Amino acid sequence: MIDSHTHILPEISQALHRKERLFKVLFNNSQPTSSLSDLIASMKINKIEKSVVLGYGWTDFETLRISNTYNLSASNDYKENIIPFCSANPKFGKRNLEELERSIKSGAKGIGEIHPDIQDLDLSDKNLWSDMMTLARENDMPLLMHSSEPVGHLYPGKGNTTPKKLYDFIQLFPENTIILAHWGGGLLFYELMKEVKQISKNVFYDTATTSFLYGSRIFLVAKHLVGSEKIIFGSDYPLLNPQRILKEMEILSKEEMENISYRNIKSILSI
């Protein structure tokens, strides 16, 4: 069992807290945070063999680098259990690329989570993204992006990264492997359209925060729309206990469960 969407946070100074926009958006409403030790304890309780630890959509470079170092160090401490992704922000230009290269050399397996709204990133600006996406593609690294539903309730960090914006971005980089968090904000429903299905051939959808967004029938609908081979189990720990989503997945067949809970992410990351 691999939880492909978890977050951990190091100790961050109050000075950086004040500088970093993400803290104001995500963590002013009692949203839970987790240290590495918290995550490891949760994994043991929930029988999760490995966890992908994601970064966040940082707007301050120093905070971004501290977060990446923490994720990479976590992987060194728990090589069999922790799979590190690295935070990125293309607005940092050359510094962003250098930090990505440092992270890749230190074992990062992917990029993300990207939060376009918090980071004020234009998904239609190919020049902004091109160097980073080229680096990701050359290193066989997926990019994981936050996604927003265009309807429904508001919540901290929801943003407006809706299916239309995501689709436009995918069209710019169709050869990159892209993981859309939170079911892609519903983009998968549009894969009924032939052109969307074709352009989204390298797109995957994770299940993070499913229990807050959809009823359990989302798994049955999604497997018919895109196939279990394009769905990746992720909880968004510590926001949601992984068992809540795993329980909802029990309506699937054994093979479908195995695809979603570990096979797909292992194939993407070549692990």
Protein backbone atom coordinates (compact mmCIF):
# COMPACT_ATOMS: atom_id res chain seq x y z
CA MET A 1 0.00 0.00 0.00
CA ILE A 2 1.38 3.37 -1.05
CA ASP A 3 -0.20 6.64 0.01
CA SER A 4 0.79 8.95 -2.84
CA HIS A 5 -0.38 12.23 -1.33
CA THR A 6 0.92 13.13 2.13
CA HIS A 7 2.49 16.23 3.63
CA ILE A 8 5.02 16.76 6.40
CA LEU A 9 6.42 20.03 7.69
CA PRO A 10 9.66 20.95 9.45
CA GLU A 11 9.87 23.58 12.13
CA ILE A 12 9.55 26.96 10.41
CA SER A 13 10.66 30.18 12.08
CA GLN A 14 8.10 32.85 12.89
CA ALA A 15 9.92 35.21 10.54
CA LEU A 16 9.36 32.84 7.63
CA HIS A 17 5.79 32.25 8.74
CA ARG A 18 5.16 35.95 8.32
CA LYS A 19 6.78 36.03 4.87
CA GLU A 20 5.12 32.93 3.44
CA ARG A 21 1.70 33.38 1.84
CA LEU A 22 0.82 29.69 1.99
CA PHE A 23 0.72 29.72 5.79
CA LYS A 24 -1.84 32.51 5.72
CA VAL A 25 -4.03 30.66 3.21
CA LEU A 26 -3.84 27.07 4.47
CA PHE A 27 -2.96 27.16 8.14
CA ASN A 28 -5.09 29.91 9.62
CA ASN A 29 -8.08 27.61 10.03
CA SER A 30 -6.72 24.91 12.34
CA GLN A 31 -5.69 22.70 9.42
CA PRO A 32 -3.59 19.88 10.90
CA THR A 33 0.13 19.57 10.23
CA SER A 34 2.40 16.57 10.60
CA SER A 35 6.05 15.93 11.32
CA LEU A 36 7.95 12.96 9.91
CA SER A 37 7.54 11.02 13.16
CA ASP A 38 3.77 11.66 13.09
CA LEU A 39 3.56 10.29 9.56
CA ILE A 40 5.61 7.18 10.34
CA ALA A 41 3.39 6.44 13.34
CA SER A 42 0.26 6.86 11.21
CA MET A 43 1.67 4.57 8.52
CA LYS A 44 2.23 1.80 11.05
CA ILE A 45 -1.30 2.14 12.42
CA ASN A 46 -2.87 2.20 8.96
CA LYS A 47 -0.62 -0.46 7.41
CA ILE A 48 0.77 1.88 4.76
CA GLU A 49 4.06 0.51 3.43
CA LYS A 50 5.26 3.66 1.67
CA SER A 51 4.22 7.30 1.52
CA VAL A 52 4.97 9.94 -1.07
CA VAL A 53 5.75 13.11 0.86
CA LEU A 54 4.86 16.19 -1.14
CA GLY A 55 5.96 19.75 -0.83
CA TYR A 56 3.63 22.72 -0.86
CA GLY A 57 3.10 25.69 -3.14
CA TRP A 58 5.61 27.95 -1.44
CA THR A 59 6.00 31.60 -2.38
CA ASP A 60 9.19 32.21 -0.37
CA PHE A 61 12.35 30.59 -1.71
CA GLU A 62 14.00 30.02 1.66
CA THR A 63 10.91 28.23 2.97
CA LEU A 64 10.74 26.15 -0.20
CA ARG A 65 14.35 25.04 0.20
CA ILE A 66 13.88 24.18 3.90
CA SER A 67 10.81 22.10 3.04
CA ASN A 68 12.66 20.23 0.29
CA THR A 69 15.60 19.50 2.57
CA TYR A 70 13.20 18.09 5.17
CA ASN A 71 11.49 15.79 2.66
CA LEU A 72 14.81 14.59 1.27
CA SER A 73 16.20 14.00 4.76
CA ALA A 74 13.05 12.06 5.66
CA SER A 75 13.68 9.76 2.74
CA ASN A 76 17.28 9.22 3.82
CA ASP A 77 16.11 8.32 7.32
CA TYR A 78 13.38 5.96 6.07
CA LYS A 79 14.59 4.75 2.69
CA GLU A 80 12.09 1.89 2.52
CA ASN A 81 9.10 3.98 3.54
CA ILE A 82 9.37 7.57 2.30
CA ILE A 83 9.34 8.70 -1.34
CA PRO A 84 10.22 12.40 -1.62
CA PHE A 85 8.77 14.94 -4.03
CA CYS A 86 10.14 18.46 -4.11
CA SER A 87 8.45 21.84 -4.00
CA ALA A 88 8.92 24.18 -6.93
CA ASN A 89 7.96 27.63 -8.10
CA PRO A 90 8.79 28.59 -11.70
CA LYS A 91 8.65 32.28 -10.77
CA PHE A 92 12.03 31.80 -9.09
CA GLY A 93 13.58 31.18 -12.51
CA LYS A 94 17.19 30.00 -12.38
CA ARG A 95 17.04 29.45 -8.60
CA ASN A 96 14.05 27.16 -9.10
CA LEU A 97 15.90 25.03 -11.65
CA GLU A 98 19.01 24.85 -9.48
CA GLU A 99 16.91 23.77 -6.50
CA LEU A 100 15.19 21.12 -8.60
CA GLU A 101 18.56 19.80 -9.77
CA ARG A 102 19.78 19.68 -6.17
CA SER A 103 16.66 17.79 -5.15
CA ILE A 104 16.93 15.35 -8.04
CA LYS A 105 20.55 14.55 -7.14
CA SER A 106 19.40 13.97 -3.55
CA GLY A 107 16.70 11.51 -4.56
CA ALA A 108 13.52 13.45 -5.36
CA LYS A 109 11.14 11.36 -7.48
CA GLY A 110 8.65 14.04 -8.49
CA ILE A 111 7.68 17.70 -8.34
CA GLY A 112 4.81 19.09 -6.30
CA GLU A 113 2.45 19.83 -4.91
CA ILE A 114 2.08 22.92 -7.07
CA HIS A 115 -0.60 25.38 -5.86
CA PRO A 116 -1.14 27.74 -8.83
CA ASP A 117 -3.51 30.11 -7.03
CA ILE A 118 -1.44 30.51 -3.89
CA GLN A 119 1.73 30.87 -5.97
CA ASP A 120 0.01 33.18 -8.47
CA LEU A 121 1.06 31.03 -11.43
CA ASP A 122 -0.49 31.43 -14.88
CA LEU A 123 -1.08 27.95 -16.31
CA SER A 124 -1.41 29.34 -19.84
CA ASP A 125 2.07 30.92 -19.82
CA LYS A 126 4.23 28.38 -21.64
CA ASN A 127 7.39 30.46 -21.24
CA LEU A 128 6.98 30.47 -17.46
CA TRP A 129 6.75 26.68 -17.25
CA SER A 130 8.81 25.43 -20.16
CA ASP A 131 12.25 25.06 -18.53
CA MET A 132 10.85 23.31 -15.47
CA MET A 133 8.67 20.94 -17.48
CA THR A 134 11.60 20.10 -19.75
CA LEU A 135 13.73 19.26 -16.72
CA ALA A 136 10.92 17.12 -15.32
CA ARG A 137 10.47 15.27 -18.60
CA GLU A 138 14.20 14.66 -19.06
CA ASN A 139 14.35 13.12 -15.58
CA ASP A 140 11.11 11.11 -15.90
CA MET A 141 9.60 13.04 -13.01
CA PRO A 142 5.85 13.54 -12.67
CA LEU A 143 4.45 16.90 -11.67
CA LEU A 144 1.63 16.85 -9.12
CA MET A 145 -0.73 19.80 -9.18
CA HIS A 146 -3.52 20.95 -6.90
CA SER A 147 -6.89 21.00 -8.64
CA SER A 148 -10.12 22.86 -7.88
CA GLU A 149 -13.76 21.91 -8.44
CA PRO A 150 -15.61 24.69 -10.31
CA VAL A 151 -18.70 24.15 -8.13
CA GLY A 152 -19.39 23.08 -4.55
CA HIS A 153 -18.34 24.33 -1.15
CA LEU A 154 -15.37 26.57 -0.47
CA TYR A 155 -12.48 25.45 1.73
CA PRO A 156 -9.04 26.86 2.62
CA GLY A 157 -6.76 26.59 -0.38
CA LYS A 158 -9.46 25.46 -2.83
CA GLY A 159 -8.52 28.12 -5.36
CA ASN A 160 -9.58 28.33 -8.99
CA THR A 161 -7.36 25.78 -10.69
CA THR A 162 -10.39 24.38 -12.48
CA PRO A 163 -10.61 21.80 -15.30
CA LYS A 164 -10.44 24.38 -18.12
CA LYS A 165 -7.17 25.83 -16.78
CA LEU A 166 -5.75 22.36 -16.17
CA TYR A 167 -6.69 21.22 -19.67
CA ASP A 168 -5.03 24.26 -21.22
CA PHE A 169 -1.86 23.45 -19.24
CA ILE A 170 -1.90 19.80 -20.28
CA GLN A 171 -2.19 20.87 -23.92
CA LEU A 172 1.06 22.81 -23.53
CA PHE A 173 2.95 19.80 -22.13
CA PRO A 174 1.22 16.61 -23.35
CA GLU A 175 4.38 14.50 -23.08
CA ASN A 176 4.90 15.26 -19.39
CA THR A 177 3.47 12.95 -16.76
CA ILE A 178 1.04 15.03 -14.72
CA ILE A 179 -0.80 13.92 -11.59
CA LEU A 180 -3.86 16.00 -10.83
CA ALA A 181 -4.77 16.03 -7.16
CA HIS A 182 -8.34 15.75 -5.90
CA TRP A 183 -9.61 13.98 -9.03
CA GLY A 184 -8.43 16.87 -11.18
CA GLY A 185 -11.25 19.06 -9.98
CA GLY A 186 -13.50 16.90 -12.17
CA LEU A 187 -11.41 17.01 -15.34
CA LEU A 188 -11.67 13.22 -15.59
CA PHE A 189 -15.39 13.56 -16.40
CA TYR A 190 -14.42 15.35 -19.61
CA GLU A 191 -12.35 12.38 -20.75
CA LEU A 192 -15.60 11.21 -22.33
CA MET A 193 -14.65 13.74 -25.02
CA LYS A 194 -12.30 12.13 -27.54
CA GLU A 195 -9.91 15.07 -27.80
CA VAL A 196 -9.64 15.43 -24.02
CA LYS A 197 -8.93 11.72 -23.63
CA GLN A 198 -6.22 11.86 -26.29
CA ILE A 199 -4.43 14.92 -24.92
CA SER A 200 -4.66 13.51 -21.37
CA LYS A 201 -2.88 10.26 -22.15
CA ASN A 202 -0.15 11.03 -19.60
CA VAL A 203 -2.48 12.43 -16.95
CA PHE A 204 -3.35 10.62 -13.72
CA TYR A 205 -5.85 11.50 -11.02
CA ASP A 206 -5.26 11.12 -7.29
CA THR A 207 -7.92 10.49 -4.68
CA ALA A 208 -6.76 13.04 -2.09
CA THR A 209 -9.59 14.30 0.17
CA THR A 210 -12.18 12.16 -1.64
CA SER A 211 -14.26 11.79 1.52
CA PHE A 212 -14.65 15.57 1.77
CA LEU A 213 -15.62 16.01 -1.88
CA TYR A 214 -17.51 13.03 -3.30
CA GLY A 215 -19.58 10.01 -2.40
CA SER A 216 -17.94 6.59 -2.74
CA ARG A 217 -19.55 6.08 -6.17
CA ILE A 218 -16.82 8.33 -7.56
CA PHE A 219 -14.63 5.22 -7.70
CA LEU A 220 -17.13 3.31 -9.84
CA VAL A 221 -17.73 6.27 -12.12
CA ALA A 222 -14.02 7.06 -12.46
CA LYS A 223 -12.97 3.51 -13.30
CA HIS A 224 -15.50 3.44 -16.14
CA LEU A 225 -14.43 6.86 -17.43
CA VAL A 226 -10.64 6.57 -17.32
CA GLY A 227 -9.86 3.07 -16.02
CA SER A 228 -8.31 2.07 -12.72
CA GLU A 229 -4.90 2.39 -14.39
CA LYS A 230 -5.16 6.19 -14.26
CA ILE A 231 -6.23 6.55 -10.63
CA ILE A 232 -3.74 6.88 -7.76
CA PHE A 233 -4.51 6.43 -4.10
CA GLY A 234 -3.64 9.45 -1.99
CA SER A 235 -5.17 10.62 1.26
CA ASP A 236 -3.85 14.17 1.79
CA TYR A 237 -2.62 13.10 5.24
CA PRO A 238 -2.74 14.68 7.81
CA LEU A 239 -5.90 16.37 6.53
CA LEU A 240 -7.63 13.03 6.10
CA ASN A 241 -7.00 9.60 7.60
CA PRO A 242 -6.14 7.20 4.76
CA GLN A 243 -8.48 4.54 6.10
CA ARG A 244 -11.51 6.66 5.22
CA ILE A 245 -10.65 6.55 1.54
CA LEU A 246 -9.47 2.94 1.59
CA LYS A 247 -12.82 1.94 3.09
CA GLU A 248 -14.66 3.65 0.23
CA MET A 249 -12.46 1.82 -2.29
CA GLU A 250 -13.76 -1.56 -1.12
CA ILE A 251 -16.51 -1.39 -3.75
CA LEU A 252 -13.79 -2.05 -6.36
CA SER A 253 -12.41 -5.39 -7.51
CA LYS A 254 -9.17 -6.75 -6.08
CA GLU A 255 -7.27 -5.93 -9.28
CA GLU A 256 -8.66 -2.39 -9.38
CA MET A 257 -7.75 -1.87 -5.74
CA GLU A 258 -4.21 -3.05 -6.39
CA ASN A 259 -3.83 -0.78 -9.42
CA ILE A 260 -4.96 2.27 -7.49
CA SER A 261 -3.28 1.54 -4.17
CA TYR A 262 0.23 0.79 -5.44
CA ARG A 263 0.73 -0.50 -8.98
CA ASN A 264 0.11 2.75 -10.82
CA ILE A 265 2.38 4.95 -8.73
CA LYS A 266 5.13 2.30 -8.79
CA SER A 267 4.95 2.29 -12.57
CA ILE A 268 5.03 6.09 -12.80
CA LEU A 269 8.02 6.38 -10.47
CA SER A 270 9.78 3.21 -11.69
CA ILE A 271 10.18 1.87 -8.16
